[in-house]
């Protein structure tokens, strides 16, 4: 059972996350032939205050 973890900063819409899940699952199906029903995509979202870019949290780095 392929499990794909996606870590990203919060702020995307439900529709964007649904599109991401679909695209990732399709990439797994195409690349390794895994059946759709066996693929799991997990999205973990983090506050910009909890994501560092260089020496700054993302909310101070302008991201």
PDB file of N, CA and C in Angstrom:
ATOM      1  N   UNK A   1       0.845  -1.176   0.000  1.00  0.00           N
ATOM      2  CA  UNK A   1       0.000   0.000   0.000  1.00  0.00           C
ATOM      3  C   UNK A   1       0.890   1.238   0.000  1.00  0.00           C
ATOM      4  N   UNK A   2       0.958   1.977  -1.108  1.00  0.00           N
ATOM      5  CA  UNK A   2       1.733   3.211  -1.135  1.00  0.00           C
ATOM      6  C   UNK A   2       1.072   4.293  -0.284  1.00  0.00           C
ATOM      7  N   UNK A   3       1.880   4.917   0.550  1.00  0.00           N
ATOM      8  CA  UNK A   3       1.419   6.041   1.362  1.00  0.00           C
ATOM      9  C   UNK A   3       2.307   7.226   1.024  1.00  0.00           C
ATOM     10  N   UNK A   4       1.701   8.316   0.587  1.00  0.00           N
ATOM     11  CA  UNK A   4       2.440   9.520   0.217  1.00  0.00           C
ATOM     12  C   UNK A   4       2.089  10.605   1.210  1.00  0.00           C
ATOM     13  N   UNK A   5       3.113  11.168   1.849  1.00  0.00           N
ATOM     14  CA  UNK A   5       2.925  12.265   2.795  1.00  0.00           C
ATOM     15  C   UNK A   5       3.327  13.570   2.126  1.00  0.00           C
ATOM     16  N   UNK A   6       2.431  14.551   2.169  1.00  0.00           N
ATOM     17  CA  UNK A   6       2.701  15.876   1.617  1.00  0.00           C
ATOM     18  C   UNK A   6       2.683  16.854   2.775  1.00  0.00           C
ATOM     19  N   UNK A   7       3.799  17.535   2.997  1.00  0.00           N
ATOM     20  CA  UNK A   7       3.892  18.562   4.027  1.00  0.00           C
ATOM     21  C   UNK A   7       3.894  19.920   3.345  1.00  0.00           C
ATOM     22  N   UNK A   8       3.029  20.817   3.803  1.00  0.00           N
ATOM     23  CA  UNK A   8       2.972  22.144   3.191  1.00  0.00           C
ATOM     24  C   UNK A   8       2.417  23.164   4.173  1.00  0.00           C
ATOM     25  N   UNK A   9       2.665  24.422   3.855  1.00  0.00           N
ATOM     26  CA  UNK A   9       2.117  25.498   4.663  1.00  0.00           C
ATOM     27  C   UNK A   9       0.623  25.594   4.430  1.00  0.00           C
ATOM     28  N   UNK A  10      -0.092  25.998   5.469  1.00  0.00           N
ATOM     29  CA  UNK A  10      -1.535  26.162   5.357  1.00  0.00           C
ATOM     30  C   UNK A  10      -1.870  27.287   4.383  1.00  0.00           C
ATOM     31  N   UNK A  11      -3.111  27.272   3.914  1.00  0.00           N
ATOM     32  CA  UNK A  11      -3.585  28.373   3.100  1.00  0.00           C
ATOM     33  C   UNK A  11      -4.185  27.973   1.761  1.00  0.00           C
ATOM     34  N   UNK A  12      -4.138  26.692   1.417  1.00  0.00           N
ATOM     35  CA  UNK A  12      -4.747  26.261   0.156  1.00  0.00           C
ATOM     36  C   UNK A  12      -6.217  25.908   0.370  1.00  0.00           C
ATOM     37  N   UNK A  13      -6.984  26.056  -0.678  1.00  0.00           N
ATOM     38  CA  UNK A  13      -8.418  25.761  -0.594  1.00  0.00           C
ATOM     39  C   UNK A  13      -8.648  24.249  -0.610  1.00  0.00           C
ATOM     40  N   UNK A  14      -9.856  23.853  -0.229  1.00  0.00           N
ATOM     41  CA  UNK A  14     -10.240  22.448  -0.284  1.00  0.00           C
ATOM     42  C   UNK A  14     -10.109  21.941  -1.718  1.00  0.00           C
ATOM     43  N   UNK A  15     -10.515  22.755  -2.683  1.00  0.00           N
ATOM     44  CA  UNK A  15     -10.438  22.355  -4.086  1.00  0.00           C
ATOM     45  C   UNK A  15      -8.989  22.113  -4.515  1.00  0.00           C
ATOM     46  N   UNK A  16      -8.065  22.956  -4.077  1.00  0.00           N
ATOM     47  CA  UNK A  16      -6.650  22.767  -4.411  1.00  0.00           C
ATOM     48  C   UNK A  16      -6.109  21.485  -3.795  1.00  0.00           C
ATOM     49  N   UNK A  17      -6.500  21.210  -2.561  1.00  0.00           N
ATOM     50  CA  UNK A  17      -6.036  19.982  -1.915  1.00  0.00           C
ATOM     51  C   UNK A  17      -6.628  18.747  -2.591  1.00  0.00           C
ATOM     52  N   UNK A  18      -7.868  18.820  -3.010  1.00  0.00           N
ATOM     53  CA  UNK A  18      -8.470  17.699  -3.738  1.00  0.00           C
ATOM     54  C   UNK A  18      -7.734  17.454  -5.051  1.00  0.00           C
ATOM     55  N   UNK A  19      -7.374  18.537  -5.754  1.00  0.00           N
ATOM     56  CA  UNK A  19      -6.635  18.404  -7.016  1.00  0.00           C
ATOM     57  C   UNK A  19      -5.260  17.806  -6.767  1.00  0.00           C
ATOM     58  N   UNK A  20      -4.613  18.194  -5.679  1.00  0.00           N
ATOM     59  CA  UNK A  20      -3.303  17.646  -5.325  1.00  0.00           C
ATOM     60  C   UNK A  20      -3.405  16.154  -5.040  1.00  0.00           C
ATOM     61  N   UNK A  21      -4.390  15.758  -4.254  1.00  0.00           N
ATOM     62  CA  UNK A  21      -4.587  14.336  -3.937  1.00  0.00           C
ATOM     63  C   UNK A  21      -4.775  13.535  -5.215  1.00  0.00           C
ATOM     64  N   UNK A  22      -5.604  14.046  -6.121  1.00  0.00           N
ATOM     65  CA  UNK A  22      -5.860  13.341  -7.383  1.00  0.00           C
ATOM     66  C   UNK A  22      -4.582  13.209  -8.201  1.00  0.00           C
ATOM     67  N   UNK A  23      -3.827  14.299  -8.334  1.00  0.00           N
ATOM     68  CA  UNK A  23      -2.610  14.284  -9.147  1.00  0.00           C
ATOM     69  C   UNK A  23      -1.550  13.365  -8.556  1.00  0.00           C
ATOM     70  N   UNK A  24      -1.411  13.376  -7.242  1.00  0.00           N
ATOM     71  CA  UNK A  24      -0.418  12.510  -6.592  1.00  0.00           C
ATOM     72  C   UNK A  24      -0.817  11.042  -6.767  1.00  0.00           C
ATOM     73  N   UNK A  25      -2.072  10.729  -6.532  1.00  0.00           N
ATOM     74  CA  UNK A  25      -2.531   9.347  -6.682  1.00  0.00           C
ATOM     75  C   UNK A  25      -2.351   8.865  -8.118  1.00  0.00           C
ATOM     76  N   UNK A  26      -2.661   9.713  -9.089  1.00  0.00           N
ATOM     77  CA  UNK A  26      -2.486   9.337 -10.487  1.00  0.00           C
ATOM     78  C   UNK A  26      -1.012   9.113 -10.816  1.00  0.00           C
ATOM     79  N   UNK A  27      -0.126   9.927 -10.246  1.00  0.00           N
ATOM     80  CA  UNK A  27       1.311   9.752 -10.467  1.00  0.00           C
ATOM     81  C   UNK A  27       1.787   8.416  -9.911  1.00  0.00           C
ATOM     82  N   UNK A  28       1.261   8.033  -8.749  1.00  0.00           N
ATOM     83  CA  UNK A  28       1.627   6.740  -8.156  1.00  0.00           C
ATOM     84  C   UNK A  28       1.104   5.600  -9.026  1.00  0.00           C
ATOM     85  N   UNK A  29      -0.135   5.712  -9.481  1.00  0.00           N
ATOM     86  CA  UNK A  29      -0.698   4.670 -10.347  1.00  0.00           C
ATOM     87  C   UNK A  29       0.120   4.531 -11.627  1.00  0.00           C
ATOM     88  N   UNK A  30       0.461   5.662 -12.249  1.00  0.00           N
ATOM     89  CA  UNK A  30       1.198   5.638 -13.513  1.00  0.00           C
ATOM     90  C   UNK A  30       2.624   5.125 -13.337  1.00  0.00           C
ATOM     91  N   UNK A  31       3.275   5.494 -12.239  1.00  0.00           N
ATOM     92  CA  UNK A  31       4.692   5.168 -12.095  1.00  0.00           C
ATOM     93  C   UNK A  31       4.959   3.766 -11.575  1.00  0.00           C
ATOM     94  N   UNK A  32       4.122   3.268 -10.666  1.00  0.00           N
ATOM     95  CA  UNK A  32       4.401   1.934 -10.104  1.00  0.00           C
ATOM     96  C   UNK A  32       3.256   0.944 -10.287  1.00  0.00           C
ATOM     97  N   UNK A  33       2.183   1.398 -10.929  1.00  0.00           N
ATOM     98  CA  UNK A  33       1.078   0.490 -11.214  1.00  0.00           C
ATOM     99  C   UNK A  33       0.246   0.093 -10.009  1.00  0.00           C
ATOM    100  N   UNK A  34       0.308   0.891  -8.953  1.00  0.00           N
ATOM    101  CA  UNK A  34      -0.490   0.580  -7.761  1.00  0.00           C
ATOM    102  C   UNK A  34      -1.971   0.796  -8.060  1.00  0.00           C
ATOM    103  N   UNK A  35      -2.829  -0.093  -7.564  1.00  0.00           N
ATOM    104  CA  UNK A  35      -4.263   0.116  -7.758  1.00  0.00           C
ATOM    105  C   UNK A  35      -4.746   1.320  -6.948  1.00  0.00           C
ATOM    106  N   UNK A  36      -5.648   2.064  -7.526  1.00  0.00           N
ATOM    107  CA  UNK A  36      -6.171   3.287  -6.906  1.00  0.00           C
ATOM    108  C   UNK A  36      -6.636   3.057  -5.473  1.00  0.00           C
ATOM    109  N   UNK A  37      -7.328   1.956  -5.239  1.00  0.00           N
ATOM    110  CA  UNK A  37      -7.906   1.720  -3.908  1.00  0.00           C
ATOM    111  C   UNK A  37      -6.848   1.444  -2.835  1.00  0.00           C
ATOM    112  N   UNK A  38      -5.612   1.214  -3.241  1.00  0.00           N
ATOM    113  CA  UNK A  38      -4.536   0.957  -2.266  1.00  0.00           C
ATOM    114  C   UNK A  38      -3.711   2.187  -1.935  1.00  0.00           C
ATOM    115  N   UNK A  39      -3.919   3.284  -2.638  1.00  0.00           N
ATOM    116  CA  UNK A  39      -3.091   4.481  -2.463  1.00  0.00           C
ATOM    117  C   UNK A  39      -3.679   5.369  -1.379  1.00  0.00           C
ATOM    118  N   UNK A  40      -2.795   5.855  -0.524  1.00  0.00           N
ATOM    119  CA  UNK A  40      -3.178   6.807   0.521  1.00  0.00           C
ATOM    120  C   UNK A  40      -2.344   8.067   0.347  1.00  0.00           C
ATOM    121  N   UNK A  41      -2.986   9.225   0.375  1.00  0.00           N
ATOM    122  CA  UNK A  41      -2.293  10.512   0.310  1.00  0.00           C
ATOM    123  C   UNK A  41      -2.657  11.270   1.574  1.00  0.00           C
ATOM    124  N   UNK A  42      -1.637  11.652   2.326  1.00  0.00           N
ATOM    125  CA  UNK A  42      -1.850  12.354   3.591  1.00  0.00           C
ATOM    126  C   UNK A  42      -1.270  13.757   3.457  1.00  0.00           C
ATOM    127  N   UNK A  43      -2.094  14.762   3.686  1.00  0.00           N
ATOM    128  CA  UNK A  43      -1.634  16.149   3.644  1.00  0.00           C
ATOM    129  C   UNK A  43      -1.535  16.652   5.080  1.00  0.00           C
ATOM    130  N   UNK A  44      -0.348  17.116   5.432  1.00  0.00           N
ATOM    131  CA  UNK A  44      -0.129  17.745   6.737  1.00  0.00           C
ATOM    132  C   UNK A  44       0.143  19.218   6.490  1.00  0.00           C
ATOM    133  N   UNK A  45      -0.665  20.067   7.108  1.00  0.00           N
ATOM    134  CA  UNK A  45      -0.511  21.508   6.931  1.00  0.00           C
ATOM    135  C   UNK A  45       0.071  22.126   8.194  1.00  0.00           C
ATOM    136  N   UNK A  46       0.926  23.114   7.981  1.00  0.00           N
ATOM    137  CA  UNK A  46       1.598  23.778   9.091  1.00  0.00           C
ATOM    138  C   UNK A  46       1.389  25.278   8.999  1.00  0.00           C
ATOM    139  N   UNK A  47       1.243  25.884  10.151  1.00  0.00           N
ATOM    140  CA  UNK A  47       1.176  27.334  10.225  1.00  0.00           C
ATOM    141  C   UNK A  47       2.474  27.914   9.697  1.00  0.00           C
ATOM    142  N   UNK A  48       2.409  29.084   9.061  1.00  0.00           N
ATOM    143  CA  UNK A  48       3.622  29.737   8.573  1.00  0.00           C
ATOM    144  C   UNK A  48       4.580  30.066   9.711  1.00  0.00           C
ATOM    145  N   UNK A  49       4.067  30.179  10.921  1.00  0.00           N
ATOM    146  CA  UNK A  49       4.929  30.417  12.080  1.00  0.00           C
ATOM    147  C   UNK A  49       5.706  29.168  12.459  1.00  0.00           C
ATOM    148  N   UNK A  50       5.289  28.013  11.967  1.00  0.00           N
ATOM    149  CA  UNK A  50       5.943  26.743  12.280  1.00  0.00           C
ATOM    150  C   UNK A  50       6.772  26.218  11.120  1.00  0.00           C
ATOM    151  N   UNK A  51       7.031  27.049  10.119  1.00  0.00           N
ATOM    152  CA  UNK A  51       7.765  26.627   8.923  1.00  0.00           C
ATOM    153  C   UNK A  51       8.908  27.602   8.727  1.00  0.00           C
ATOM    154  N   UNK A  52      10.128  27.111   8.741  1.00  0.00           N
ATOM    155  CA  UNK A  52      11.289  27.974   8.591  1.00  0.00           C
ATOM    156  C   UNK A  52      11.780  28.034   7.158  1.00  0.00           C
ATOM    157  N   UNK A  53      12.150  29.236   6.735  1.00  0.00           N
ATOM    158  CA  UNK A  53      12.794  29.449   5.434  1.00  0.00           C
ATOM    159  C   UNK A  53      14.093  30.183   5.736  1.00  0.00           C
ATOM    160  N   UNK A  54      15.189  29.481   5.566  1.00  0.00           N
ATOM    161  CA  UNK A  54      16.466  30.064   5.971  1.00  0.00           C
ATOM    162  C   UNK A  54      16.477  30.258   7.478  1.00  0.00           C
ATOM    163  N   UNK A  55      16.734  31.465   7.904  1.00  0.00           N
ATOM    164  CA  UNK A  55      16.807  31.752   9.344  1.00  0.00           C
ATOM    165  C   UNK A  55      15.513  32.321   9.907  1.00  0.00           C
ATOM    166  N   UNK A  56      14.465  32.427   9.080  1.00  0.00           N
ATOM    167  CA  UNK A  56      13.227  33.076   9.504  1.00  0.00           C
ATOM    168  C   UNK A  56      12.034  32.135   9.409  1.00  0.00           C
ATOM    169  N   UNK A  57      11.038  32.339  10.291  1.00  0.00           N
ATOM    170  CA  UNK A  57       9.764  31.657  10.076  1.00  0.00           C
ATOM    171  C   UNK A  57       9.130  32.214   8.791  1.00  0.00           C
ATOM    172  N   UNK A  58       8.375  31.387   8.089  1.00  0.00           N
ATOM    173  CA  UNK A  58       7.813  31.789   6.797  1.00  0.00           C
ATOM    174  C   UNK A  58       6.974  33.042   6.893  1.00  0.00           C
ATOM    175  N   UNK A  59       6.278  33.246   8.002  1.00  0.00           N
ATOM    176  CA  UNK A  59       5.429  34.443   8.091  1.00  0.00           C
ATOM    177  C   UNK A  59       6.260  35.726   8.142  1.00  0.00           C
ATOM    178  N   UNK A  60       7.533  35.618   8.506  1.00  0.00           N
ATOM    179  CA  UNK A  60       8.418  36.794   8.502  1.00  0.00           C
ATOM    180  C   UNK A  60       9.268  36.853   7.241  1.00  0.00           C
ATOM    181  N   UNK A  61       9.305  35.771   6.497  1.00  0.00           N
ATOM    182  CA  UNK A  61      10.105  35.712   5.274  1.00  0.00           C
ATOM    183  C   UNK A  61       9.287  36.154   4.051  1.00  0.00           C
ATOM    184  N   UNK A  62       8.034  36.545   4.285  1.00  0.00           N
ATOM    185  CA  UNK A  62       7.194  37.020   3.194  1.00  0.00           C
ATOM    186  C   UNK A  62       6.614  35.927   2.320  1.00  0.00           C
ATOM    187  N   UNK A  63       6.484  34.722   2.857  1.00  0.00           N
ATOM    188  CA  UNK A  63       5.929  33.608   2.072  1.00  0.00           C
ATOM    189  C   UNK A  63       4.499  33.379   2.438  1.00  0.00           C
TER     190      UNK A  63
END
